[in-house]
Amino acid sequence: MMWLFGAVVAVELLGVVLDLPVLQWLAKPLLAPVLLAWLWTVRRRFDGVAVGLVFATAGDVALLMSGQTAFLAGMGFFLGTQISFLVAFVRRGRPPLAALLGYAALWVTANALLWSALGPLRLPILGYSLALCAMAAAATGVSRRTAVGGALFLFSDLVIGLGAAGTTLPGHHLLVMTTYIAALLLITTGWAAGPAGRDGTAGRPPSPAAARA
């Protein structure tokens, strides 16, 4: 299954680099579903991370379209992703206090710096970024892999937020997609490999057949 994910990633990044929307429409909506299929082969249950991947699929499709309405729709779907991940993570483990304080400080600082430039997107981004930072903090209570995935998800969306505020970094679209793809991969595989927690489930290693898929 992971070979298919790698192929989809290659097509998506090629579409981003060459600015070919047809390749992005072909590949981007498949990123989260392929990971969802892999997760099912490992856990055989539809849990919070699986729900988050479904929301991510809808968000990816929405953000392939242009305009503020599509952007807000995508943000709404990804809000579902962050909340689903958050609920799953806090049921498995408790994040350290340092992570909670660090991400809270980051949320306050980022919104304070971008507030004047966001215009009508201020309040939607304020709410979404709160859920995003909470998810990233909660990810630190699951495993190092999910912690890195949560941090990369936040970084990817921060780059998008900077773009919404009128600041575009070099290689903006490629930077957004590479960090987003890495975030989904690390969160999904980290969740699948994690120990049992308060949710009463155990991440078991994939079977030999699933590992080869």
Protein backbone atom coordinates (compact mmCIF):
# COMPACT_ATOMS: atom_id res chain seq x y z
CA MET A 1 0.00 0.00 0.00
CA MET A 2 2.83 2.42 0.79
CA TRP A 3 4.23 2.05 -2.71
CA LEU A 4 0.91 3.43 -3.98
CA PHE A 5 1.16 6.34 -1.55
CA GLY A 6 4.65 7.07 -2.84
CA ALA A 7 3.40 7.06 -6.42
CA VAL A 8 0.53 9.43 -5.56
CA VAL A 9 2.95 11.74 -3.74
CA ALA A 10 5.28 11.79 -6.75
CA VAL A 11 2.44 12.75 -9.11
CA GLU A 12 1.17 15.43 -6.71
CA LEU A 13 4.57 17.04 -6.21
CA LEU A 14 5.27 16.92 -9.93
CA GLY A 15 1.99 18.73 -10.49
CA VAL A 16 2.98 21.37 -7.92
CA VAL A 17 6.48 21.90 -9.35
CA LEU A 18 5.27 22.09 -12.96
CA ASP A 19 2.08 23.96 -12.00
CA LEU A 20 -0.12 21.38 -13.73
CA PRO A 21 -3.59 21.42 -12.12
CA VAL A 22 -4.60 18.22 -13.90
CA LEU A 23 -1.93 16.25 -12.02
CA GLN A 24 -2.91 17.88 -8.73
CA TRP A 25 -6.58 17.05 -9.29
CA LEU A 26 -5.55 13.49 -10.09
CA ALA A 27 -3.31 12.93 -7.08
CA LYS A 28 -4.15 15.25 -4.19
CA PRO A 29 -7.61 13.77 -3.44
CA LEU A 30 -5.95 10.33 -3.14
CA LEU A 31 -3.31 11.20 -0.52
CA ALA A 32 -5.43 10.76 2.59
CA PRO A 33 -7.57 7.87 1.22
CA VAL A 34 -4.49 5.76 0.47
CA LEU A 35 -3.23 6.33 4.01
CA LEU A 36 -6.71 5.53 5.30
CA ALA A 37 -6.69 2.22 3.41
CA TRP A 38 -3.26 1.40 4.85
CA LEU A 39 -4.44 2.28 8.34
CA TRP A 40 -7.38 -0.07 7.94
CA THR A 41 -5.06 -2.96 7.05
CA VAL A 42 -3.16 -2.32 10.27
CA ARG A 43 -5.89 -1.56 12.81
CA ARG A 44 -9.09 -2.95 11.29
CA ARG A 45 -11.18 -0.27 12.95
CA PHE A 46 -12.52 3.16 12.06
CA ASP A 47 -11.12 5.43 14.77
CA GLY A 48 -10.54 9.15 15.25
CA VAL A 49 -7.48 9.31 13.03
CA ALA A 50 -9.43 7.56 10.27
CA VAL A 51 -12.20 10.14 10.61
CA GLY A 52 -9.59 12.88 10.42
CA LEU A 53 -8.27 11.45 7.15
CA VAL A 54 -11.78 11.52 5.68
CA PHE A 55 -12.11 15.20 6.58
CA ALA A 56 -8.64 15.80 5.12
CA THR A 57 -9.77 14.31 1.81
CA ALA A 58 -12.71 16.71 1.65
CA GLY A 59 -10.42 19.60 2.60
CA ASP A 60 -7.91 18.72 -0.11
CA VAL A 61 -10.64 18.73 -2.75
CA ALA A 62 -12.03 22.06 -1.53
CA LEU A 63 -8.60 23.70 -1.60
CA LEU A 64 -8.03 22.61 -5.19
CA MET A 65 -10.66 25.19 -6.08
CA SER A 66 -10.03 28.93 -6.06
CA GLY A 67 -11.77 31.71 -4.17
CA GLN A 68 -12.44 32.62 -0.56
CA THR A 69 -15.51 30.37 -0.31
CA ALA A 70 -13.44 27.33 -1.27
CA PHE A 71 -10.71 28.41 1.17
CA LEU A 72 -13.20 28.69 4.03
CA ALA A 73 -14.76 25.34 3.10
CA GLY A 74 -11.34 23.73 3.11
CA MET A 75 -10.59 25.29 6.47
CA GLY A 76 -13.87 23.92 7.80
CA PHE A 77 -13.08 20.39 6.64
CA PHE A 78 -9.58 20.57 8.08
CA LEU A 79 -11.06 21.83 11.33
CA GLY A 80 -12.82 18.47 11.38
CA THR A 81 -9.44 16.82 10.82
CA GLN A 82 -7.83 18.66 13.73
CA ILE A 83 -10.69 17.93 16.11
CA SER A 84 -10.80 14.25 15.14
CA PHE A 85 -7.05 13.87 15.60
CA LEU A 86 -7.20 15.82 18.87
CA VAL A 87 -9.89 13.61 20.38
CA ALA A 88 -8.03 10.45 19.34
CA PHE A 89 -4.71 11.69 20.72
CA VAL A 90 -5.97 12.83 24.13
CA ARG A 91 -7.69 9.47 24.63
CA ARG A 92 -4.38 7.70 24.12
CA GLY A 93 -1.97 9.79 26.14
CA ARG A 94 -1.43 13.03 28.03
CA PRO A 95 0.87 15.61 26.43
CA PRO A 96 3.61 17.16 28.57
CA LEU A 97 2.92 20.56 30.08
CA ALA A 98 5.82 22.10 28.17
CA ALA A 99 4.17 21.16 24.86
CA LEU A 100 0.86 22.67 25.93
CA LEU A 101 2.48 25.92 27.01
CA GLY A 102 4.73 26.09 23.95
CA TYR A 103 1.93 25.62 21.45
CA ALA A 104 -0.33 28.02 23.37
CA ALA A 105 2.39 30.66 23.16
CA LEU A 106 2.84 29.97 19.46
CA TRP A 107 -0.91 30.35 18.86
CA VAL A 108 -1.02 33.71 20.64
CA THR A 109 2.12 35.00 18.94
CA ALA A 110 1.21 33.92 15.39
CA ASN A 111 -2.29 35.36 15.57
CA ALA A 112 -1.04 38.61 17.11
CA LEU A 113 1.51 39.07 14.33
CA LEU A 114 -0.88 38.23 11.48
CA TRP A 115 -4.06 39.75 12.89
CA SER A 116 -3.93 43.09 11.10
CA ALA A 117 -3.19 41.51 7.72
CA LEU A 118 -5.85 38.78 7.72
CA GLY A 119 -8.92 41.00 7.28
CA PRO A 120 -12.19 39.02 7.24
CA LEU A 121 -10.27 35.76 7.72
CA ARG A 122 -9.18 36.79 11.23
CA LEU A 123 -11.85 35.00 13.24
CA PRO A 124 -11.98 31.79 11.12
CA ILE A 125 -8.19 31.50 11.31
CA LEU A 126 -8.22 32.31 15.03
CA GLY A 127 -10.56 29.38 15.71
CA TYR A 128 -8.93 26.98 13.27
CA SER A 129 -5.41 27.71 14.51
CA LEU A 130 -6.53 27.06 18.09
CA ALA A 131 -7.69 23.57 17.13
CA LEU A 132 -4.53 23.06 15.08
CA CYS A 133 -2.22 24.01 17.96
CA ALA A 134 -4.22 21.87 20.37
CA MET A 135 -3.87 18.89 18.00
CA ALA A 136 -0.12 19.43 17.63
CA ALA A 137 0.27 19.63 21.40
CA ALA A 138 -1.82 16.50 21.93
CA ALA A 139 0.25 14.65 19.33
CA THR A 140 3.25 14.90 21.66
CA GLY A 141 1.44 12.59 24.08
CA VAL A 142 1.20 9.75 21.55
CA SER A 143 4.72 9.24 20.18
CA ARG A 144 7.69 11.13 18.81
CA ARG A 145 6.54 10.34 15.29
CA THR A 146 3.09 11.79 15.78
CA ALA A 147 4.63 14.77 17.57
CA VAL A 148 6.76 15.55 14.52
CA GLY A 149 3.73 14.99 12.29
CA GLY A 150 1.65 17.42 14.33
CA ALA A 151 4.40 20.03 14.21
CA LEU A 152 4.74 19.68 10.43
CA PHE A 153 0.96 19.98 9.99
CA LEU A 154 1.06 23.21 11.96
CA PHE A 155 4.03 24.48 9.95
CA SER A 156 2.31 23.69 6.65
CA ASP A 157 -0.82 25.57 7.68
CA LEU A 158 1.25 28.44 9.07
CA VAL A 159 2.79 28.88 5.62
CA ILE A 160 -0.75 28.96 4.18
CA GLY A 161 -1.70 31.54 6.82
CA LEU A 162 1.26 33.69 5.89
CA GLY A 163 0.11 33.55 2.27
CA ALA A 164 -3.40 34.61 3.31
CA ALA A 165 -1.79 37.55 5.12
CA GLY A 166 0.10 38.58 1.98
CA THR A 167 3.50 37.04 2.75
CA THR A 168 4.51 34.32 0.30
CA LEU A 169 7.65 32.33 1.05
CA PRO A 170 9.93 31.07 -1.75
CA GLY A 171 8.61 27.75 -3.05
CA HIS A 172 5.36 28.39 -1.18
CA HIS A 173 3.20 25.67 -2.75
CA LEU A 174 5.92 23.01 -2.70
CA LEU A 175 6.74 23.83 0.92
CA VAL A 176 3.08 23.56 1.91
CA MET A 177 2.57 20.22 0.18
CA THR A 178 5.79 18.50 1.24
CA THR A 179 5.26 19.35 4.90
CA TYR A 180 1.56 18.46 4.73
CA ILE A 181 2.25 15.10 3.10
CA ALA A 182 4.97 14.31 5.64
CA ALA A 183 2.59 15.30 8.44
CA LEU A 184 -0.16 12.96 7.27
CA LEU A 185 2.30 10.10 6.83
CA LEU A 186 3.94 10.54 10.24
CA ILE A 187 0.64 10.97 12.09
CA THR A 188 -0.93 7.93 10.44
CA THR A 189 2.03 5.59 10.84
CA GLY A 190 2.81 6.88 14.32
CA TRP A 191 -0.77 6.30 15.39
CA ALA A 192 -0.81 2.79 13.95
CA ALA A 193 2.43 1.87 15.71
CA GLY A 194 1.56 3.40 19.07
CA PRO A 195 1.00 1.53 22.33
CA ALA A 196 -2.34 0.92 23.95
CA GLY A 197 -3.77 3.89 25.78
CA ARG A 198 -6.88 5.20 27.45
CA ASP A 199 -8.90 4.55 24.30
CA GLY A 200 -8.49 0.84 25.00
CA THR A 201 -6.90 0.12 21.64
CA ALA A 202 -3.45 -1.01 20.70
CA GLY A 203 -1.51 -0.09 17.64
CA ARG A 204 -0.21 -3.40 16.34
CA PRO A 205 2.51 -3.69 13.76
CA PRO A 206 1.32 -4.36 10.24
CA SER A 207 1.19 -7.94 9.07
CA PRO A 208 3.85 -9.04 6.57
CA ALA A 209 1.27 -8.78 3.81
CA ALA A 210 0.29 -5.24 4.84
CA ALA A 211 3.92 -4.21 5.13
CA ARG A 212 4.56 -5.33 1.56
CA ALA A 213 1.36 -3.68 0.26
